[in-house]
């Protein structure tokens, strides 16, 4: 699944770069469910925000998906800004 998401981003990322973050989030959410959107964003930006190493309380896929489902577009935009601000 990760490979498919990375391919999707690779194919579409140039188009997204010319737009504001809110527009990027809107476009992505039109294309993907919220869960797939966060997986895709975390793949592209290598955030690993909800891995078991950074969140030891998450011990299985069900907990992972529950955590993922609570993420909002504002969270995504904030994380994209932070990752782009890094040198």
N, C-alpha and C. Protein backbone atom coordinates (compact mmCIF):
# COMPACT_ATOMS: atom_id res chain seq x y z
N UNK A 1 0.83 -1.20 0.00
CA UNK A 1 0.00 0.00 0.00
C UNK A 1 0.86 1.26 0.00
N UNK A 2 1.96 1.24 0.75
CA UNK A 2 2.83 2.41 0.82
C UNK A 2 3.36 2.78 -0.56
N UNK A 3 3.74 1.78 -1.34
CA UNK A 3 4.28 2.03 -2.67
C UNK A 3 3.23 2.71 -3.55
N UNK A 4 1.99 2.23 -3.49
CA UNK A 4 0.91 2.83 -4.28
C UNK A 4 0.73 4.30 -3.89
N UNK A 5 0.73 4.59 -2.60
CA UNK A 5 0.54 5.96 -2.14
C UNK A 5 1.70 6.85 -2.57
N UNK A 6 2.91 6.33 -2.48
CA UNK A 6 4.07 7.13 -2.90
C UNK A 6 4.02 7.41 -4.40
N UNK A 7 3.60 6.42 -5.19
CA UNK A 7 3.46 6.63 -6.63
C UNK A 7 2.42 7.70 -6.92
N UNK A 8 1.31 7.65 -6.20
CA UNK A 8 0.26 8.66 -6.39
C UNK A 8 0.81 10.06 -6.12
N UNK A 9 1.53 10.19 -5.01
CA UNK A 9 2.09 11.51 -4.68
C UNK A 9 3.11 11.95 -5.71
N UNK A 10 3.96 11.03 -6.12
CA UNK A 10 4.98 11.37 -7.10
C UNK A 10 4.34 11.91 -8.37
N UNK A 11 3.27 11.27 -8.81
CA UNK A 11 2.59 11.68 -10.04
C UNK A 11 1.88 13.02 -9.91
N UNK A 12 1.41 13.33 -8.72
CA UNK A 12 0.58 14.52 -8.54
C UNK A 12 1.22 15.65 -7.77
N UNK A 13 2.40 15.44 -7.21
CA UNK A 13 2.95 16.40 -6.28
C UNK A 13 3.29 17.74 -6.94
N UNK A 14 3.82 17.71 -8.16
CA UNK A 14 4.15 18.96 -8.85
C UNK A 14 2.93 19.85 -8.99
N UNK A 15 1.81 19.23 -9.28
CA UNK A 15 0.56 19.99 -9.43
C UNK A 15 0.17 20.62 -8.09
N UNK A 16 0.39 19.88 -7.00
CA UNK A 16 0.02 20.39 -5.68
C UNK A 16 0.93 21.52 -5.22
N UNK A 17 2.20 21.49 -5.62
CA UNK A 17 3.17 22.45 -5.11
C UNK A 17 2.80 23.89 -5.44
N UNK A 18 2.12 24.11 -6.56
CA UNK A 18 1.76 25.46 -6.95
C UNK A 18 0.60 26.04 -6.17
N UNK A 19 0.01 25.28 -5.31
CA UNK A 19 -1.19 25.71 -4.60
C UNK A 19 -0.92 25.96 -3.12
N UNK A 20 -1.83 26.67 -2.49
CA UNK A 20 -1.71 26.88 -1.05
C UNK A 20 -1.95 25.57 -0.32
N UNK A 21 -1.50 25.49 0.93
CA UNK A 21 -1.67 24.27 1.70
C UNK A 21 -3.14 23.89 1.86
N UNK A 22 -4.00 24.88 2.07
CA UNK A 22 -5.42 24.55 2.25
C UNK A 22 -5.99 23.94 0.97
N UNK A 23 -5.54 24.45 -0.17
CA UNK A 23 -5.99 23.90 -1.46
C UNK A 23 -5.45 22.49 -1.65
N UNK A 24 -4.19 22.26 -1.24
CA UNK A 24 -3.60 20.92 -1.33
C UNK A 24 -4.45 19.95 -0.52
N UNK A 25 -4.77 20.33 0.71
CA UNK A 25 -5.54 19.45 1.57
C UNK A 25 -6.91 19.18 0.94
N UNK A 26 -7.54 20.23 0.40
CA UNK A 26 -8.84 20.06 -0.23
C UNK A 26 -8.75 19.08 -1.40
N UNK A 27 -7.74 19.26 -2.25
CA UNK A 27 -7.58 18.38 -3.41
C UNK A 27 -7.34 16.94 -2.98
N UNK A 28 -6.49 16.77 -1.99
CA UNK A 28 -6.19 15.41 -1.54
C UNK A 28 -7.43 14.76 -0.92
N UNK A 29 -8.18 15.54 -0.16
CA UNK A 29 -9.36 14.97 0.50
C UNK A 29 -10.46 14.65 -0.52
N UNK A 30 -10.46 15.35 -1.65
CA UNK A 30 -11.41 15.00 -2.70
C UNK A 30 -11.06 13.64 -3.30
N UNK A 31 -9.78 13.31 -3.27
CA UNK A 31 -9.29 12.10 -3.92
C UNK A 31 -9.27 10.90 -2.99
N UNK A 32 -8.97 11.14 -1.74
CA UNK A 32 -8.72 10.05 -0.81
C UNK A 32 -9.53 10.20 0.46
N UNK A 33 -9.76 9.10 1.11
CA UNK A 33 -10.39 9.17 2.43
C UNK A 33 -9.41 9.81 3.40
N UNK A 34 -9.89 10.25 4.55
CA UNK A 34 -9.04 10.88 5.55
C UNK A 34 -7.89 9.95 5.98
N UNK A 35 -8.20 8.67 6.18
CA UNK A 35 -7.17 7.73 6.62
C UNK A 35 -6.08 7.58 5.55
N UNK A 36 -6.50 7.42 4.31
CA UNK A 36 -5.52 7.28 3.24
C UNK A 36 -4.75 8.57 3.03
N UNK A 37 -5.41 9.70 3.22
CA UNK A 37 -4.73 10.99 3.10
C UNK A 37 -3.59 11.08 4.11
N UNK A 38 -3.86 10.73 5.35
CA UNK A 38 -2.81 10.85 6.36
C UNK A 38 -1.70 9.85 6.09
N UNK A 39 -2.04 8.65 5.67
CA UNK A 39 -1.00 7.68 5.33
C UNK A 39 -0.13 8.23 4.21
N UNK A 40 -0.78 8.83 3.22
CA UNK A 40 -0.05 9.36 2.08
C UNK A 40 0.87 10.50 2.51
N UNK A 41 0.32 11.43 3.28
CA UNK A 41 1.12 12.56 3.73
C UNK A 41 2.28 12.10 4.61
N UNK A 42 2.01 11.15 5.48
CA UNK A 42 3.09 10.69 6.35
C UNK A 42 4.14 9.92 5.55
N UNK A 43 3.73 9.24 4.47
CA UNK A 43 4.71 8.59 3.59
C UNK A 43 5.59 9.64 2.92
N UNK A 44 4.96 10.63 2.33
CA UNK A 44 5.70 11.62 1.55
C UNK A 44 6.65 12.41 2.43
N UNK A 45 6.20 12.81 3.59
CA UNK A 45 7.01 13.68 4.43
C UNK A 45 7.79 12.91 5.49
N UNK A 46 7.68 11.59 5.43
CA UNK A 46 8.46 10.73 6.32
C UNK A 46 8.24 11.14 7.77
N UNK A 47 7.02 11.40 8.14
CA UNK A 47 6.73 11.91 9.49
C UNK A 47 6.69 10.81 10.54
N UNK A 48 6.16 9.66 10.16
CA UNK A 48 6.06 8.53 11.09
C UNK A 48 5.48 8.95 12.43
N UNK A 49 4.46 9.80 12.37
CA UNK A 49 3.94 10.39 13.61
C UNK A 49 3.22 9.39 14.49
N UNK A 50 2.71 8.36 13.87
CA UNK A 50 1.91 7.43 14.65
C UNK A 50 2.49 6.03 14.64
N UNK A 51 3.79 5.96 14.55
CA UNK A 51 4.42 4.64 14.60
C UNK A 51 4.47 4.16 16.04
N UNK A 52 4.68 2.89 16.22
CA UNK A 52 4.71 2.35 17.58
C UNK A 52 5.93 2.83 18.34
N UNK A 53 6.96 3.27 17.65
CA UNK A 53 8.14 3.77 18.36
C UNK A 53 7.91 5.16 18.95
N UNK A 54 7.19 6.01 18.20
CA UNK A 54 6.94 7.35 18.72
C UNK A 54 5.71 7.40 19.62
N UNK A 55 4.81 6.43 19.45
CA UNK A 55 3.62 6.35 20.29
C UNK A 55 3.50 4.94 20.85
N UNK A 56 4.24 4.64 21.93
CA UNK A 56 4.25 3.28 22.47
C UNK A 56 2.87 2.76 22.87
N UNK A 57 1.92 3.67 23.08
CA UNK A 57 0.58 3.21 23.48
C UNK A 57 -0.15 2.53 22.33
N UNK A 58 0.31 2.74 21.10
CA UNK A 58 -0.34 2.12 19.95
C UNK A 58 0.29 0.75 19.73
N UNK A 59 -0.47 -0.28 19.99
CA UNK A 59 0.10 -1.63 19.94
C UNK A 59 -0.43 -2.47 18.79
N UNK A 60 -1.45 -2.00 18.10
CA UNK A 60 -1.95 -2.80 16.97
C UNK A 60 -2.56 -1.91 15.89
N UNK A 61 -2.89 -2.51 14.78
CA UNK A 61 -3.42 -1.76 13.64
C UNK A 61 -4.73 -1.05 13.97
N UNK A 62 -5.56 -1.67 14.79
CA UNK A 62 -6.84 -1.06 15.13
C UNK A 62 -6.63 0.26 15.87
N UNK A 63 -5.71 0.26 16.82
CA UNK A 63 -5.41 1.49 17.55
C UNK A 63 -4.79 2.54 16.62
N UNK A 64 -3.93 2.06 15.72
CA UNK A 64 -3.29 2.95 14.76
C UNK A 64 -4.34 3.66 13.91
N UNK A 65 -5.29 2.89 13.38
CA UNK A 65 -6.32 3.48 12.53
C UNK A 65 -7.26 4.40 13.31
N UNK A 66 -7.52 4.05 14.56
CA UNK A 66 -8.35 4.92 15.39
C UNK A 66 -7.66 6.27 15.59
N UNK A 67 -6.38 6.23 15.89
CA UNK A 67 -5.61 7.46 16.08
C UNK A 67 -5.60 8.27 14.78
N UNK A 68 -5.38 7.58 13.67
CA UNK A 68 -5.32 8.22 12.37
C UNK A 68 -6.65 8.89 12.02
N UNK A 69 -7.76 8.25 12.39
CA UNK A 69 -9.07 8.76 12.00
C UNK A 69 -9.42 10.06 12.72
N UNK A 70 -8.69 10.40 13.76
CA UNK A 70 -8.97 11.63 14.52
C UNK A 70 -8.21 12.85 13.99
N UNK A 71 -7.37 12.63 12.99
CA UNK A 71 -6.56 13.72 12.45
C UNK A 71 -7.41 14.60 11.54
N UNK A 72 -7.21 15.90 11.64
CA UNK A 72 -7.97 16.85 10.84
C UNK A 72 -7.08 17.46 9.75
N UNK A 73 -7.66 18.10 8.75
CA UNK A 73 -6.85 18.77 7.72
C UNK A 73 -5.91 19.83 8.31
N UNK A 74 -6.31 20.47 9.39
CA UNK A 74 -5.46 21.46 10.03
C UNK A 74 -4.20 20.79 10.57
N UNK A 75 -4.35 19.61 11.18
CA UNK A 75 -3.19 18.85 11.65
C UNK A 75 -2.25 18.55 10.49
N UNK A 76 -2.83 18.12 9.38
CA UNK A 76 -2.02 17.76 8.22
C UNK A 76 -1.26 18.99 7.72
N UNK A 77 -1.96 20.10 7.57
CA UNK A 77 -1.33 21.32 7.07
C UNK A 77 -0.19 21.76 7.99
N UNK A 78 -0.41 21.69 9.30
CA UNK A 78 0.62 22.07 10.26
C UNK A 78 1.85 21.19 10.10
N UNK A 79 1.64 19.90 9.95
CA UNK A 79 2.76 18.97 9.81
C UNK A 79 3.49 19.17 8.49
N UNK A 80 2.76 19.49 7.44
CA UNK A 80 3.41 19.76 6.15
C UNK A 80 4.27 21.02 6.28
N UNK A 81 3.71 22.07 6.89
CA UNK A 81 4.49 23.30 7.08
C UNK A 81 5.78 23.01 7.86
N UNK A 82 5.65 22.26 8.94
CA UNK A 82 6.85 21.95 9.75
C UNK A 82 7.87 21.18 8.94
N UNK A 83 7.42 20.20 8.17
CA UNK A 83 8.37 19.39 7.41
C UNK A 83 9.03 20.21 6.30
N UNK A 84 8.29 21.15 5.71
CA UNK A 84 8.86 21.98 4.65
C UNK A 84 9.82 23.02 5.23
N UNK A 85 9.63 23.38 6.49
CA UNK A 85 10.49 24.38 7.12
C UNK A 85 11.87 23.82 7.47
N UNK A 86 11.96 22.50 7.53
CA UNK A 86 13.25 21.88 7.86
C UNK A 86 14.23 22.09 6.71
N UNK A 87 15.52 22.31 7.07
CA UNK A 87 16.53 22.52 6.01
C UNK A 87 16.75 21.28 5.18
